Amino acid sequence: EHFCSFVQTNPNQMIRNNFVKKVSEYKQVDCGGPLFNNIGYVLPRDDAKHKHKFIADRKFNIAFENGYYPGYATEKILDGLYAKTIPVYLGSYTIDRDFNTDRFINGHNHTDINKLLDIMIDIDNDDKKWLEIVNQPVWKDGVMPDVADENNFLDWWESYVE
């Protein structure tokens, strides 16, 4: 129904902050976290279902991590993928090892935030293209990596943490 979502608390990531402001010049970015909040309330931090519904009502989700390190990927990309929106992602340089890069916009593949916005505008104006992207498999080669398998995590937890 809406254009883009952004849910964030941390105000210290200037690339992300500048990107949100740049995208907002094109169309409103609905900001549901404490940072740049413009929806009239702050999404509760302990209610993932409410957050996913908020994200799912928009074509795009700005999913920039707090830092950019190989292997550092948090819930940000997963929130957008599972909400059936298109995450605009910047974070782990190795995100393409696990996730299907046809399913999101990878900020590492572009030289500046203007190019990312151009891609969003192109997709925003082409519903067929948007549907093709959101219907792509989430995982690289359509296969969930072992590290994302809940059973493997539980086995690891029992073996090494407990």
N, C-alpha and C. Protein backbone atom coordinates (compact mmCIF):
# COMPACT_ATOMS: atom_id res chain seq x y z
N GLU A 1 0.81 -1.20 0.00
CA GLU A 1 0.00 0.00 0.00
C GLU A 1 0.85 1.26 0.00
N HIS A 2 1.99 1.21 0.71
CA HIS A 2 2.83 2.39 0.87
C HIS A 2 4.19 2.15 0.22
N PHE A 3 4.99 3.18 0.18
CA PHE A 3 6.25 3.13 -0.56
C PHE A 3 7.39 2.43 0.19
N CYS A 4 7.75 2.93 1.38
CA CYS A 4 8.97 2.45 2.01
C CYS A 4 8.88 2.55 3.53
N SER A 5 9.53 1.59 4.21
CA SER A 5 9.59 1.62 5.67
C SER A 5 11.03 1.72 6.14
N PHE A 6 11.16 2.16 7.37
CA PHE A 6 12.46 2.27 8.02
C PHE A 6 12.19 2.17 9.52
N VAL A 7 12.86 1.22 10.17
CA VAL A 7 12.69 1.04 11.61
C VAL A 7 14.08 1.00 12.24
N GLN A 8 14.39 2.05 13.00
CA GLN A 8 15.74 2.14 13.54
C GLN A 8 15.74 2.97 14.82
N THR A 9 16.66 2.64 15.69
CA THR A 9 16.86 3.37 16.93
C THR A 9 18.15 4.17 16.90
N ASN A 10 19.21 3.56 16.41
CA ASN A 10 20.56 4.12 16.47
C ASN A 10 20.71 5.30 15.48
N PRO A 11 21.00 6.51 15.99
CA PRO A 11 21.15 7.68 15.11
C PRO A 11 22.57 7.89 14.59
N ASN A 12 23.49 6.98 14.88
CA ASN A 12 24.91 7.24 14.62
C ASN A 12 25.43 6.74 13.28
N GLN A 13 24.58 6.21 12.43
CA GLN A 13 25.02 5.67 11.14
C GLN A 13 24.68 6.72 10.06
N MET A 14 25.62 7.56 9.72
CA MET A 14 25.34 8.71 8.85
C MET A 14 25.00 8.32 7.41
N ILE A 15 25.61 7.27 6.88
CA ILE A 15 25.26 6.85 5.52
C ILE A 15 23.78 6.47 5.47
N ARG A 16 23.35 5.70 6.45
CA ARG A 16 21.94 5.29 6.53
C ARG A 16 21.04 6.52 6.71
N ASN A 17 21.40 7.41 7.62
CA ASN A 17 20.58 8.61 7.87
C ASN A 17 20.45 9.45 6.60
N ASN A 18 21.56 9.64 5.90
CA ASN A 18 21.52 10.43 4.67
C ASN A 18 20.69 9.75 3.60
N PHE A 19 20.74 8.42 3.55
CA PHE A 19 19.95 7.70 2.55
C PHE A 19 18.46 7.85 2.83
N VAL A 20 18.06 7.72 4.08
CA VAL A 20 16.65 7.89 4.43
C VAL A 20 16.18 9.28 4.02
N LYS A 21 16.97 10.30 4.30
CA LYS A 21 16.61 11.67 3.93
C LYS A 21 16.52 11.82 2.40
N LYS A 22 17.45 11.21 1.68
CA LYS A 22 17.45 11.28 0.21
C LYS A 22 16.21 10.60 -0.37
N VAL A 23 15.89 9.40 0.12
CA VAL A 23 14.70 8.68 -0.37
C VAL A 23 13.43 9.48 -0.05
N SER A 24 13.41 10.12 1.11
CA SER A 24 12.24 10.92 1.52
C SER A 24 12.00 12.11 0.60
N GLU A 25 13.00 12.53 -0.13
CA GLU A 25 12.81 13.61 -1.11
C GLU A 25 11.99 13.11 -2.30
N TYR A 26 12.06 11.82 -2.57
CA TYR A 26 11.29 11.22 -3.66
C TYR A 26 9.86 10.92 -3.19
N LYS A 27 9.72 10.15 -2.13
CA LYS A 27 8.43 9.80 -1.54
C LYS A 27 8.63 9.61 -0.05
N GLN A 28 7.54 9.66 0.68
CA GLN A 28 7.63 9.51 2.13
C GLN A 28 8.15 8.13 2.52
N VAL A 29 9.11 8.13 3.42
CA VAL A 29 9.58 6.91 4.06
C VAL A 29 8.90 6.87 5.41
N ASP A 30 8.11 5.82 5.66
CA ASP A 30 7.42 5.68 6.94
C ASP A 30 8.40 5.13 7.96
N CYS A 31 8.72 5.96 8.95
CA CYS A 31 9.72 5.62 9.97
C CYS A 31 9.01 5.23 11.25
N GLY A 32 9.08 3.93 11.59
CA GLY A 32 8.34 3.41 12.73
C GLY A 32 9.14 3.25 14.00
N GLY A 33 10.45 3.42 13.92
CA GLY A 33 11.28 3.35 15.11
C GLY A 33 11.44 4.73 15.73
N PRO A 34 12.22 4.83 16.79
CA PRO A 34 12.44 6.14 17.40
C PRO A 34 13.16 7.13 16.47
N LEU A 35 14.04 6.63 15.60
CA LEU A 35 14.79 7.50 14.70
C LEU A 35 13.91 7.97 13.55
N PHE A 36 13.77 9.28 13.40
CA PHE A 36 12.99 9.93 12.33
C PHE A 36 11.50 9.57 12.38
N ASN A 37 10.99 9.15 13.52
CA ASN A 37 9.62 8.67 13.60
C ASN A 37 8.64 9.69 13.03
N ASN A 38 7.77 9.20 12.13
CA ASN A 38 6.77 10.08 11.52
C ASN A 38 5.40 9.40 11.38
N ILE A 39 5.17 8.34 12.16
CA ILE A 39 3.90 7.62 12.03
C ILE A 39 2.97 7.86 13.22
N GLY A 40 3.41 8.62 14.21
CA GLY A 40 2.55 8.95 15.33
C GLY A 40 2.70 8.05 16.55
N TYR A 41 3.44 6.98 16.41
CA TYR A 41 3.74 6.09 17.53
C TYR A 41 5.02 5.34 17.19
N VAL A 42 5.66 4.78 18.20
CA VAL A 42 6.88 4.01 17.98
C VAL A 42 6.53 2.54 18.08
N LEU A 43 6.95 1.77 17.08
CA LEU A 43 6.71 0.33 17.12
C LEU A 43 7.34 -0.27 18.37
N PRO A 44 6.62 -1.14 19.06
CA PRO A 44 7.20 -1.75 20.26
C PRO A 44 8.37 -2.67 19.90
N ARG A 45 9.45 -2.57 20.63
CA ARG A 45 10.66 -3.35 20.33
C ARG A 45 10.46 -4.84 20.55
N ASP A 46 9.51 -5.22 21.37
CA ASP A 46 9.32 -6.63 21.71
C ASP A 46 8.17 -7.28 20.95
N ASP A 47 7.76 -6.68 19.83
CA ASP A 47 6.62 -7.20 19.08
C ASP A 47 6.99 -7.35 17.60
N ALA A 48 7.66 -8.46 17.27
CA ALA A 48 8.12 -8.68 15.89
C ALA A 48 6.96 -8.77 14.91
N LYS A 49 5.84 -9.34 15.32
CA LYS A 49 4.70 -9.46 14.40
C LYS A 49 4.21 -8.09 13.96
N HIS A 50 4.13 -7.15 14.89
CA HIS A 50 3.68 -5.80 14.56
C HIS A 50 4.69 -5.13 13.62
N LYS A 51 5.96 -5.32 13.89
CA LYS A 51 7.02 -4.76 13.04
C LYS A 51 6.93 -5.34 11.64
N HIS A 52 6.75 -6.65 11.53
CA HIS A 52 6.67 -7.29 10.21
C HIS A 52 5.44 -6.82 9.43
N LYS A 53 4.31 -6.63 10.12
CA LYS A 53 3.13 -6.12 9.43
C LYS A 53 3.38 -4.71 8.91
N PHE A 54 4.02 -3.89 9.74
CA PHE A 54 4.36 -2.52 9.33
C PHE A 54 5.24 -2.55 8.08
N ILE A 55 6.26 -3.37 8.08
CA ILE A 55 7.18 -3.47 6.94
C ILE A 55 6.46 -4.04 5.72
N ALA A 56 5.60 -5.03 5.93
CA ALA A 56 4.91 -5.71 4.82
C ALA A 56 3.95 -4.80 4.06
N ASP A 57 3.49 -3.72 4.68
CA ASP A 57 2.57 -2.80 4.02
C ASP A 57 3.28 -1.81 3.10
N ARG A 58 4.58 -2.03 2.87
CA ARG A 58 5.35 -1.12 2.04
C ARG A 58 6.14 -1.89 0.98
N LYS A 59 6.42 -1.25 -0.15
CA LYS A 59 7.16 -1.90 -1.23
C LYS A 59 8.61 -2.17 -0.86
N PHE A 60 9.22 -1.25 -0.11
CA PHE A 60 10.64 -1.34 0.21
C PHE A 60 10.84 -1.19 1.71
N ASN A 61 11.98 -1.69 2.18
CA ASN A 61 12.41 -1.51 3.55
C ASN A 61 13.90 -1.15 3.54
N ILE A 62 14.24 -0.02 4.12
CA ILE A 62 15.64 0.37 4.22
C ILE A 62 16.25 -0.44 5.35
N ALA A 63 17.19 -1.31 4.99
CA ALA A 63 17.75 -2.29 5.93
C ALA A 63 19.27 -2.14 5.96
N PHE A 64 19.73 -1.01 6.44
CA PHE A 64 21.17 -0.78 6.57
C PHE A 64 21.60 -1.18 7.98
N GLU A 65 22.67 -1.94 8.06
CA GLU A 65 23.21 -2.35 9.35
C GLU A 65 23.89 -1.17 10.04
N ASN A 66 24.18 -1.34 11.32
CA ASN A 66 24.92 -0.32 12.07
C ASN A 66 26.39 -0.26 11.66
N GLY A 67 26.89 -1.36 11.08
CA GLY A 67 28.27 -1.42 10.61
C GLY A 67 28.36 -2.32 9.40
N TYR A 68 29.48 -2.25 8.70
CA TYR A 68 29.66 -3.00 7.45
C TYR A 68 30.86 -3.90 7.59
N TYR A 69 30.61 -5.14 7.98
CA TYR A 69 31.67 -6.12 8.20
C TYR A 69 31.29 -7.44 7.56
N PRO A 70 32.25 -8.18 7.04
CA PRO A 70 31.94 -9.51 6.49
C PRO A 70 31.28 -10.39 7.55
N GLY A 71 30.15 -10.97 7.20
CA GLY A 71 29.45 -11.87 8.10
C GLY A 71 28.53 -11.20 9.10
N TYR A 72 28.58 -9.87 9.19
CA TYR A 72 27.73 -9.15 10.15
C TYR A 72 26.39 -8.84 9.50
N ALA A 73 25.42 -9.72 9.73
CA ALA A 73 24.07 -9.52 9.22
C ALA A 73 23.11 -9.79 10.37
N THR A 74 22.23 -8.84 10.62
CA THR A 74 21.28 -8.96 11.72
C THR A 74 19.89 -9.27 11.16
N GLU A 75 18.89 -9.02 11.98
CA GLU A 75 17.51 -9.26 11.57
C GLU A 75 17.04 -8.31 10.48
N LYS A 76 17.78 -7.25 10.23
CA LYS A 76 17.31 -6.21 9.31
C LYS A 76 16.97 -6.75 7.92
N ILE A 77 17.83 -7.55 7.34
CA ILE A 77 17.53 -8.08 6.01
C ILE A 77 16.40 -9.11 6.08
N LEU A 78 16.40 -9.93 7.11
CA LEU A 78 15.36 -10.95 7.25
C LEU A 78 13.98 -10.34 7.44
N ASP A 79 13.89 -9.25 8.20
CA ASP A 79 12.60 -8.59 8.40
C ASP A 79 11.96 -8.25 7.06
N GLY A 80 12.72 -7.65 6.17
CA GLY A 80 12.18 -7.27 4.87
C GLY A 80 11.88 -8.45 3.98
N LEU A 81 12.75 -9.45 3.99
CA LEU A 81 12.56 -10.62 3.14
C LEU A 81 11.30 -11.39 3.54
N TYR A 82 11.14 -11.62 4.81
CA TYR A 82 9.99 -12.41 5.27
C TYR A 82 8.70 -11.61 5.27
N ALA A 83 8.78 -10.29 5.23
CA ALA A 83 7.59 -9.46 5.14
C ALA A 83 7.14 -9.28 3.69
N LYS A 84 7.85 -9.92 2.76
CA LYS A 84 7.53 -9.85 1.32
C LYS A 84 7.60 -8.42 0.79
N THR A 85 8.67 -7.74 1.18
CA THR A 85 8.98 -6.44 0.63
C THR A 85 10.39 -6.53 0.06
N ILE A 86 10.89 -5.46 -0.49
CA ILE A 86 12.25 -5.49 -1.03
C ILE A 86 13.17 -4.73 -0.08
N PRO A 87 14.05 -5.45 0.60
CA PRO A 87 15.03 -4.75 1.43
C PRO A 87 16.05 -4.03 0.57
N VAL A 88 16.39 -2.82 0.97
CA VAL A 88 17.51 -2.09 0.38
C VAL A 88 18.60 -2.22 1.43
N TYR A 89 19.57 -3.09 1.16
CA TYR A 89 20.49 -3.56 2.18
C TYR A 89 21.90 -3.00 2.01
N LEU A 90 22.48 -2.62 3.15
CA LEU A 90 23.89 -2.29 3.21
C LEU A 90 24.38 -2.79 4.56
N GLY A 91 25.36 -3.66 4.52
CA GLY A 91 25.87 -4.25 5.76
C GLY A 91 27.00 -5.19 5.43
N SER A 92 26.77 -6.46 5.65
CA SER A 92 27.80 -7.46 5.43
C SER A 92 28.24 -7.48 3.97
N TYR A 93 29.57 -7.42 3.76
CA TYR A 93 30.11 -7.51 2.41
C TYR A 93 29.95 -8.91 1.83
N THR A 94 29.65 -9.87 2.70
CA THR A 94 29.52 -11.26 2.25
C THR A 94 28.08 -11.74 2.26
N ILE A 95 27.14 -10.82 2.23
CA ILE A 95 25.71 -11.17 2.30
C ILE A 95 25.30 -12.09 1.15
N ASP A 96 25.99 -11.99 0.03
CA ASP A 96 25.65 -12.80 -1.14
C ASP A 96 26.05 -14.27 -0.98
N ARG A 97 26.77 -14.63 0.06
CA ARG A 97 27.12 -16.03 0.29
C ARG A 97 25.91 -16.85 0.74
N ASP A 98 24.98 -16.20 1.42
CA ASP A 98 23.82 -16.91 1.96
C ASP A 98 22.50 -16.50 1.30
N PHE A 99 22.38 -15.24 0.93
CA PHE A 99 21.10 -14.73 0.43
C PHE A 99 21.13 -14.55 -1.08
N ASN A 100 19.98 -14.74 -1.70
CA ASN A 100 19.80 -14.58 -3.13
C ASN A 100 19.79 -13.08 -3.45
N THR A 101 20.78 -12.61 -4.15
CA THR A 101 20.90 -11.17 -4.43
C THR A 101 19.88 -10.67 -5.45
N ASP A 102 19.11 -11.57 -6.05
CA ASP A 102 18.01 -11.14 -6.91
C ASP A 102 16.77 -10.80 -6.09
N ARG A 103 16.82 -11.07 -4.77
CA ARG A 103 15.66 -10.88 -3.89
C ARG A 103 15.71 -9.56 -3.11
N PHE A 104 16.81 -8.83 -3.21
CA PHE A 104 16.94 -7.55 -2.51
C PHE A 104 17.87 -6.64 -3.31
N ILE A 105 17.92 -5.38 -2.92
CA ILE A 105 18.84 -4.43 -3.53
C ILE A 105 20.07 -4.38 -2.64
N ASN A 106 21.20 -4.82 -3.18
CA ASN A 106 22.43 -4.88 -2.41
C ASN A 106 23.21 -3.58 -2.60
N GLY A 107 23.27 -2.79 -1.54
CA GLY A 107 23.96 -1.51 -1.61
C GLY A 107 25.43 -1.61 -1.94
N HIS A 108 26.03 -2.77 -1.69
CA HIS A 108 27.45 -2.95 -1.98
C HIS A 108 27.72 -3.04 -3.49
N ASN A 109 26.68 -3.24 -4.28
CA ASN A 109 26.84 -3.36 -5.73
C ASN A 109 26.77 -2.01 -6.44
N HIS A 110 26.63 -0.93 -5.68
CA HIS A 110 26.44 0.39 -6.30
C HIS A 110 27.36 1.41 -5.64
N THR A 111 27.74 2.40 -6.41
CA THR A 111 28.76 3.34 -5.96
C THR A 111 28.25 4.42 -5.02
N ASP A 112 26.97 4.76 -5.10
CA ASP A 112 26.48 5.83 -4.21
C ASP A 112 24.99 5.68 -3.95
N ILE A 113 24.50 6.47 -2.99
CA ILE A 113 23.10 6.36 -2.59
C ILE A 113 22.15 6.86 -3.69
N ASN A 114 22.63 7.73 -4.56
CA ASN A 114 21.77 8.19 -5.66
C ASN A 114 21.41 7.03 -6.59
N LYS A 115 22.37 6.13 -6.83
CA LYS A 115 22.12 4.97 -7.69
C LYS A 115 21.09 4.04 -7.02
N LEU A 116 21.21 3.86 -5.70
CA LEU A 116 20.23 3.03 -4.99
C LEU A 116 18.83 3.61 -5.12
N LEU A 117 18.72 4.92 -4.97
CA LEU A 117 17.42 5.56 -5.12
C LEU A 117 16.90 5.40 -6.55
N ASP A 118 17.76 5.55 -7.55
CA ASP A 118 17.33 5.35 -8.95
C ASP A 118 16.76 3.95 -9.16
N ILE A 119 17.38 2.95 -8.55
CA ILE A 119 16.89 1.57 -8.67
C ILE A 119 15.52 1.45 -8.00
N MET A 120 15.38 2.04 -6.83
CA MET A 120 14.08 2.01 -6.14
C MET A 120 13.00 2.67 -6.99
N ILE A 121 13.31 3.81 -7.57
CA ILE A 121 12.32 4.52 -8.39
C ILE A 121 11.93 3.67 -9.60
N ASP A 122 12.90 3.05 -10.24
CA ASP A 122 12.63 2.19 -11.38
C ASP A 122 11.68 1.05 -11.00
N ILE A 123 11.94 0.41 -9.89
CA ILE A 123 11.09 -0.70 -9.43
C ILE A 123 9.73 -0.17 -8.97
N ASP A 124 9.72 0.97 -8.30
CA ASP A 124 8.46 1.58 -7.83
C ASP A 124 7.51 1.84 -8.99
N ASN A 125 8.05 2.16 -10.14
CA ASN A 125 7.23 2.47 -11.31
C ASN A 125 6.94 1.26 -12.20
N ASP A 126 7.30 0.07 -11.76
CA ASP A 126 7.11 -1.14 -12.55
C ASP A 126 6.65 -2.28 -11.63
N ASP A 127 5.33 -2.40 -11.47
CA ASP A 127 4.78 -3.41 -10.56
C ASP A 127 5.19 -4.83 -10.94
N LYS A 128 5.33 -5.09 -12.23
CA LYS A 128 5.75 -6.42 -12.66
C LYS A 128 7.15 -6.74 -12.15
N LYS A 129 8.05 -5.76 -12.26
CA LYS A 129 9.42 -5.94 -11.78
C LYS A 129 9.43 -6.17 -10.26
N TRP A 130 8.61 -5.39 -9.52
CA TRP A 130 8.53 -5.54 -8.07
C TRP A 130 8.09 -6.97 -7.72
N LEU A 131 7.06 -7.46 -8.38
CA LEU A 131 6.57 -8.82 -8.12
C LEU A 131 7.62 -9.88 -8.45
N GLU A 132 8.34 -9.68 -9.54
CA GLU A 132 9.40 -10.64 -9.90
C GLU A 132 10.46 -10.72 -8.79
N ILE A 133 10.80 -9.59 -8.21
CA ILE A 133 11.82 -9.56 -7.16
C ILE A 133 11.30 -10.21 -5.88
N VAL A 134 10.11 -9.82 -5.41
CA VAL A 134 9.63 -10.36 -4.13
C VAL A 134 9.27 -11.84 -4.22
N ASN A 135 9.10 -12.36 -5.42
CA ASN A 135 8.81 -13.78 -5.56
C ASN A 135 10.06 -14.64 -5.79
N GLN A 136 11.22 -14.02 -5.75
CA GLN A 136 12.48 -14.78 -5.84
C GLN A 136 12.69 -15.56 -4.53
N PRO A 137 13.43 -16.66 -4.58
CA PRO A 137 13.76 -17.35 -3.34
C PRO A 137 14.65 -16.47 -2.45
N VAL A 138 14.50 -16.60 -1.15
CA VAL A 138 15.27 -15.82 -0.19
C VAL A 138 16.74 -16.24 -0.17
N TRP A 139 16.96 -17.54 -0.18
CA TRP A 139 18.32 -18.07 0.01
C TRP A 139 19.03 -18.26 -1.32
N LYS A 140 20.34 -18.14 -1.29
CA LYS A 140 21.16 -18.36 -2.48
C LYS A 140 20.91 -19.78 -2.99
N ASP A 141 20.70 -19.90 -4.28
CA ASP A 141 20.41 -21.18 -4.94
C ASP A 141 19.16 -21.86 -4.37
N GLY A 142 18.31 -21.09 -3.66
CA GLY A 142 17.08 -21.63 -3.10
C GLY A 142 17.29 -22.58 -1.93
N VAL A 143 18.49 -22.57 -1.34
CA VAL A 143 18.81 -23.51 -0.26
C VAL A 143 19.22 -22.74 0.99
N MET A 144 18.49 -22.99 2.09
CA MET A 144 18.84 -22.35 3.35
C MET A 144 20.19 -22.87 3.82
N PRO A 145 21.12 -21.98 4.19
CA PRO A 145 22.42 -22.44 4.67
C PRO A 145 22.29 -23.14 6.02
N ASP A 146 23.21 -24.01 6.30
CA ASP A 146 23.19 -24.75 7.56
C ASP A 146 23.13 -23.84 8.78
N VAL A 147 23.82 -22.71 8.72
CA VAL A 147 23.85 -21.81 9.87
C VAL A 147 22.49 -21.21 10.19
N ALA A 148 21.58 -21.20 9.23
CA ALA A 148 20.25 -20.64 9.45
C ALA A 148 19.23 -21.69 9.88
N ASP A 149 19.62 -22.94 9.85
CA ASP A 149 18.71 -24.01 10.24
C ASP A 149 18.54 -24.01 11.76
N GLU A 150 17.31 -23.92 12.21
CA GLU A 150 17.01 -23.85 13.64
C GLU A 150 17.56 -25.06 14.40
N ASN A 151 17.45 -26.23 13.82
CA ASN A 151 17.94 -27.44 14.50
C ASN A 151 19.45 -27.40 14.69
N ASN A 152 20.17 -26.93 13.69
CA ASN A 152 21.62 -26.80 13.82
C ASN A 152 21.99 -25.81 14.92
N PHE A 153 21.24 -24.72 14.98
CA PHE A 153 21.51 -23.74 16.03
C PHE A 153 21.27 -24.35 17.40
N LEU A 154 20.15 -25.05 17.54
CA LEU A 154 19.85 -25.66 18.84
C LEU A 154 20.88 -26.71 19.23
N ASP A 155 21.36 -27.48 18.26
CA ASP A 155 22.42 -28.46 18.54
C ASP A 155 23.69 -27.75 19.01
N TRP A 156 24.04 -26.64 18.32
CA TRP A 156 25.21 -25.88 18.71
C TRP A 156 25.04 -25.32 20.12
N TRP A 157 23.85 -24.76 20.39
CA TRP A 157 23.58 -24.16 21.69
C TRP A 157 23.75 -25.21 22.82
N GLU A 158 23.15 -26.37 22.59
CA GLU A 158 23.24 -27.42 23.61
C GLU A 158 24.67 -27.91 23.79
N SER A 159 25.43 -28.01 22.71
CA SER A 159 26.78 -28.54 22.78
C SER A 159 27.79 -27.56 23.37
N TYR A 160 27.66 -26.27 23.03
CA TYR A 160 28.71 -25.33 23.38
C TYR A 160 28.32 -24.30 24.42
N VAL A 161 27.05 -23.97 24.50
CA VAL A 161 26.66 -22.92 25.44
C VAL A 161 26.20 -23.51 26.76
N GLU A 162 25.35 -24.51 26.69
CA GLU A 162 24.88 -25.11 27.94
C GLU A 162 26.01 -25.88 28.55
